[in-house]
N, C-alpha and C. Protein backbone atom coordinates (compact mmCIF):
# COMPACT_ATOMS: atom_id res chain seq x y z
N MET A 1 162.19 -25.03 -31.40
CA MET A 1 161.33 -24.16 -32.19
C MET A 1 160.93 -22.95 -31.35
N SER A 2 160.79 -21.82 -32.01
CA SER A 2 160.40 -20.60 -31.30
C SER A 2 158.91 -20.65 -30.98
N ASP A 3 158.50 -19.73 -30.12
CA ASP A 3 157.09 -19.67 -29.73
C ASP A 3 156.18 -19.46 -30.92
N ILE A 4 156.57 -18.56 -31.82
CA ILE A 4 155.71 -18.27 -32.96
C ILE A 4 155.64 -19.47 -33.91
N GLN A 5 156.73 -20.20 -34.06
CA GLN A 5 156.71 -21.41 -34.89
C GLN A 5 155.80 -22.47 -34.28
N ASN A 6 155.83 -22.59 -32.95
CA ASN A 6 154.94 -23.53 -32.27
C ASN A 6 153.48 -23.12 -32.49
N LYS A 7 153.22 -21.84 -32.40
CA LYS A 7 151.85 -21.34 -32.60
C LYS A 7 151.39 -21.59 -34.03
N ILE A 8 152.28 -21.40 -35.00
CA ILE A 8 151.94 -21.67 -36.40
C ILE A 8 151.58 -23.15 -36.57
N SER A 9 152.39 -24.03 -35.99
CA SER A 9 152.12 -25.47 -36.09
C SER A 9 150.76 -25.81 -35.49
N GLU A 10 150.44 -25.21 -34.35
CA GLU A 10 149.15 -25.45 -33.71
C GLU A 10 148.01 -24.95 -34.59
N GLU A 11 148.17 -23.77 -35.17
CA GLU A 11 147.13 -23.19 -36.02
C GLU A 11 146.93 -24.00 -37.30
N VAL A 12 148.01 -24.54 -37.87
CA VAL A 12 147.90 -25.38 -39.06
C VAL A 12 147.09 -26.63 -38.73
N LYS A 13 147.42 -27.25 -37.60
CA LYS A 13 146.69 -28.45 -37.17
C LYS A 13 145.21 -28.13 -36.98
N GLN A 14 144.94 -27.01 -36.32
CA GLN A 14 143.56 -26.61 -36.08
C GLN A 14 142.84 -26.30 -37.40
N ALA A 15 143.52 -25.63 -38.32
CA ALA A 15 142.91 -25.30 -39.62
C ALA A 15 142.55 -26.57 -40.38
N ARG A 16 143.43 -27.55 -40.34
CA ARG A 16 143.14 -28.82 -41.02
C ARG A 16 141.91 -29.50 -40.41
N GLU A 17 141.84 -29.48 -39.07
CA GLU A 17 140.68 -30.08 -38.40
C GLU A 17 139.40 -29.36 -38.76
N VAL A 18 139.44 -28.02 -38.76
CA VAL A 18 138.26 -27.23 -39.09
C VAL A 18 137.82 -27.52 -40.52
N CYS A 19 138.77 -27.59 -41.44
CA CYS A 19 138.44 -27.82 -42.85
C CYS A 19 137.91 -29.24 -43.07
N ASP A 20 138.44 -30.21 -42.32
CA ASP A 20 137.93 -31.58 -42.43
C ASP A 20 136.50 -31.66 -41.91
N THR A 21 136.20 -30.89 -40.87
CA THR A 21 134.88 -30.92 -40.26
C THR A 21 133.85 -30.11 -41.05
N SER A 22 134.22 -28.90 -41.43
CA SER A 22 133.24 -28.00 -42.04
C SER A 22 133.32 -27.93 -43.56
N GLY A 23 134.32 -28.53 -44.14
CA GLY A 23 134.47 -28.50 -45.59
C GLY A 23 135.48 -27.45 -46.03
N ASP A 24 136.17 -27.76 -47.12
CA ASP A 24 137.24 -26.89 -47.60
C ASP A 24 136.77 -25.53 -48.08
N SER A 25 135.51 -25.42 -48.46
CA SER A 25 135.03 -24.15 -49.00
C SER A 25 134.21 -23.34 -47.98
N SER A 26 134.26 -23.75 -46.71
CA SER A 26 133.47 -23.05 -45.69
C SER A 26 134.18 -21.78 -45.23
N ALA A 27 133.41 -20.88 -44.66
CA ALA A 27 133.96 -19.63 -44.11
C ALA A 27 134.88 -19.92 -42.94
N GLU A 28 134.53 -20.93 -42.15
CA GLU A 28 135.36 -21.29 -40.99
C GLU A 28 136.74 -21.78 -41.44
N CYS A 29 136.78 -22.55 -42.51
CA CYS A 29 138.04 -23.06 -43.05
C CYS A 29 138.90 -21.89 -43.55
N ALA A 30 138.28 -20.98 -44.28
CA ALA A 30 139.01 -19.82 -44.79
C ALA A 30 139.55 -18.97 -43.65
N ALA A 31 138.75 -18.78 -42.61
CA ALA A 31 139.19 -17.98 -41.46
C ALA A 31 140.35 -18.66 -40.74
N ALA A 32 140.30 -19.97 -40.63
CA ALA A 32 141.38 -20.70 -39.96
C ALA A 32 142.70 -20.55 -40.72
N TRP A 33 142.62 -20.65 -42.06
CA TRP A 33 143.85 -20.50 -42.85
C TRP A 33 144.32 -19.05 -42.88
N ASP A 34 143.41 -18.10 -42.76
CA ASP A 34 143.80 -16.69 -42.65
C ASP A 34 144.62 -16.47 -41.39
N ALA A 35 144.22 -17.12 -40.30
CA ALA A 35 144.96 -17.00 -39.03
C ALA A 35 146.37 -17.55 -39.20
N VAL A 36 146.50 -18.66 -39.91
CA VAL A 36 147.83 -19.25 -40.17
C VAL A 36 148.67 -18.27 -40.99
N GLU A 37 148.06 -17.69 -42.02
CA GLU A 37 148.78 -16.76 -42.88
C GLU A 37 149.26 -15.53 -42.11
N GLU A 38 148.43 -15.03 -41.22
CA GLU A 38 148.83 -13.86 -40.42
C GLU A 38 150.00 -14.18 -39.51
N LEU A 39 149.99 -15.36 -38.90
CA LEU A 39 151.10 -15.76 -38.05
C LEU A 39 152.39 -15.93 -38.86
N GLN A 40 152.27 -16.48 -40.05
CA GLN A 40 153.45 -16.63 -40.91
C GLN A 40 154.01 -15.27 -41.32
N ALA A 41 153.14 -14.33 -41.59
CA ALA A 41 153.58 -12.98 -41.94
C ALA A 41 154.30 -12.33 -40.76
N GLU A 42 153.77 -12.52 -39.57
CA GLU A 42 154.42 -11.97 -38.37
C GLU A 42 155.78 -12.60 -38.15
N ALA A 43 155.89 -13.91 -38.36
CA ALA A 43 157.18 -14.59 -38.21
C ALA A 43 158.18 -14.03 -39.21
N SER A 44 157.75 -13.80 -40.43
CA SER A 44 158.62 -13.23 -41.45
C SER A 44 159.07 -11.83 -41.05
N HIS A 45 158.15 -11.05 -40.54
CA HIS A 45 158.47 -9.69 -40.11
C HIS A 45 159.49 -9.71 -38.97
N GLN A 46 159.32 -10.62 -38.03
CA GLN A 46 160.26 -10.73 -36.92
C GLN A 46 161.65 -11.14 -37.40
N ARG A 47 161.70 -12.03 -38.40
CA ARG A 47 163.01 -12.43 -38.94
C ARG A 47 163.70 -11.24 -39.60
N GLN A 48 162.94 -10.42 -40.31
CA GLN A 48 163.52 -9.25 -40.98
C GLN A 48 164.04 -8.26 -39.95
N GLU A 49 163.33 -8.09 -38.85
CA GLU A 49 163.76 -7.16 -37.80
C GLU A 49 165.07 -7.61 -37.18
N LYS A 50 165.25 -8.91 -37.05
CA LYS A 50 166.45 -9.45 -36.42
C LYS A 50 167.67 -9.34 -37.32
N GLN A 51 167.49 -9.14 -38.61
CA GLN A 51 168.59 -9.14 -39.56
C GLN A 51 169.08 -7.73 -39.87
N LYS A 52 169.26 -6.93 -38.86
CA LYS A 52 169.77 -5.58 -39.08
C LYS A 52 171.26 -5.64 -39.34
N THR A 53 171.71 -4.73 -40.18
CA THR A 53 173.14 -4.64 -40.47
C THR A 53 173.85 -3.95 -39.31
N SER A 54 175.15 -4.06 -39.30
CA SER A 54 175.94 -3.39 -38.26
C SER A 54 175.72 -1.89 -38.31
N PHE A 55 175.62 -1.35 -39.52
CA PHE A 55 175.39 0.09 -39.67
C PHE A 55 174.05 0.49 -39.09
N GLU A 56 173.00 -0.31 -39.34
CA GLU A 56 171.68 -0.01 -38.77
C GLU A 56 171.70 -0.06 -37.25
N LYS A 57 172.40 -1.04 -36.71
CA LYS A 57 172.53 -1.13 -35.25
C LYS A 57 173.27 0.09 -34.71
N TYR A 58 174.32 0.49 -35.40
CA TYR A 58 175.08 1.67 -34.99
C TYR A 58 174.19 2.91 -34.98
N CYS A 59 173.41 3.08 -36.04
CA CYS A 59 172.54 4.25 -36.13
C CYS A 59 171.41 4.20 -35.10
N ASP A 60 170.94 3.02 -34.77
CA ASP A 60 169.94 2.90 -33.71
C ASP A 60 170.52 3.37 -32.38
N ASP A 61 171.78 3.04 -32.15
CA ASP A 61 172.44 3.43 -30.91
C ASP A 61 172.94 4.87 -30.94
N ASN A 62 173.20 5.42 -32.12
CA ASN A 62 173.78 6.75 -32.27
C ASN A 62 173.04 7.56 -33.33
N PRO A 63 171.79 7.88 -33.10
CA PRO A 63 171.00 8.55 -34.15
C PRO A 63 171.52 9.93 -34.54
N GLU A 64 172.29 10.57 -33.69
CA GLU A 64 172.81 11.91 -33.99
C GLU A 64 174.15 11.88 -34.71
N ALA A 65 174.71 10.70 -34.97
CA ALA A 65 175.97 10.62 -35.69
C ALA A 65 175.76 11.16 -37.11
N ALA A 66 176.76 11.83 -37.63
CA ALA A 66 176.65 12.49 -38.94
C ALA A 66 176.23 11.51 -40.03
N GLU A 67 176.79 10.32 -40.01
CA GLU A 67 176.46 9.37 -41.08
C GLU A 67 175.07 8.75 -40.94
N CYS A 68 174.41 9.00 -39.82
CA CYS A 68 173.07 8.44 -39.59
C CYS A 68 171.95 9.46 -39.76
N ARG A 69 172.31 10.69 -39.96
CA ARG A 69 171.29 11.73 -40.07
C ARG A 69 170.54 11.60 -41.38
N VAL A 70 169.24 11.89 -41.33
CA VAL A 70 168.39 11.87 -42.51
C VAL A 70 167.84 13.26 -42.68
N TYR A 71 168.01 13.81 -43.88
CA TYR A 71 167.57 15.16 -44.14
C TYR A 71 166.35 15.12 -45.06
N ASP A 72 165.33 15.86 -44.69
CA ASP A 72 164.12 15.98 -45.52
C ASP A 72 164.29 17.18 -46.45
N ASP A 73 163.89 17.00 -47.68
CA ASP A 73 163.98 18.11 -48.64
C ASP A 73 162.72 18.91 -48.65
């Protein structure tokens, strides 16, 4: 498992403990699950970044290539 997946698992465990202790409708419980949600969003973002196409990689390496230029109107 990746570092972020390990962190998500830890945060889920902690959120469950917090909610069991303070109640499901407490502010602490909501904050704990918000932390889990933020980590999941970051993991999703990282997966999207890793899935670049060959063309995107080419343009990252060669931004001045004719086929990679972006023109503003």
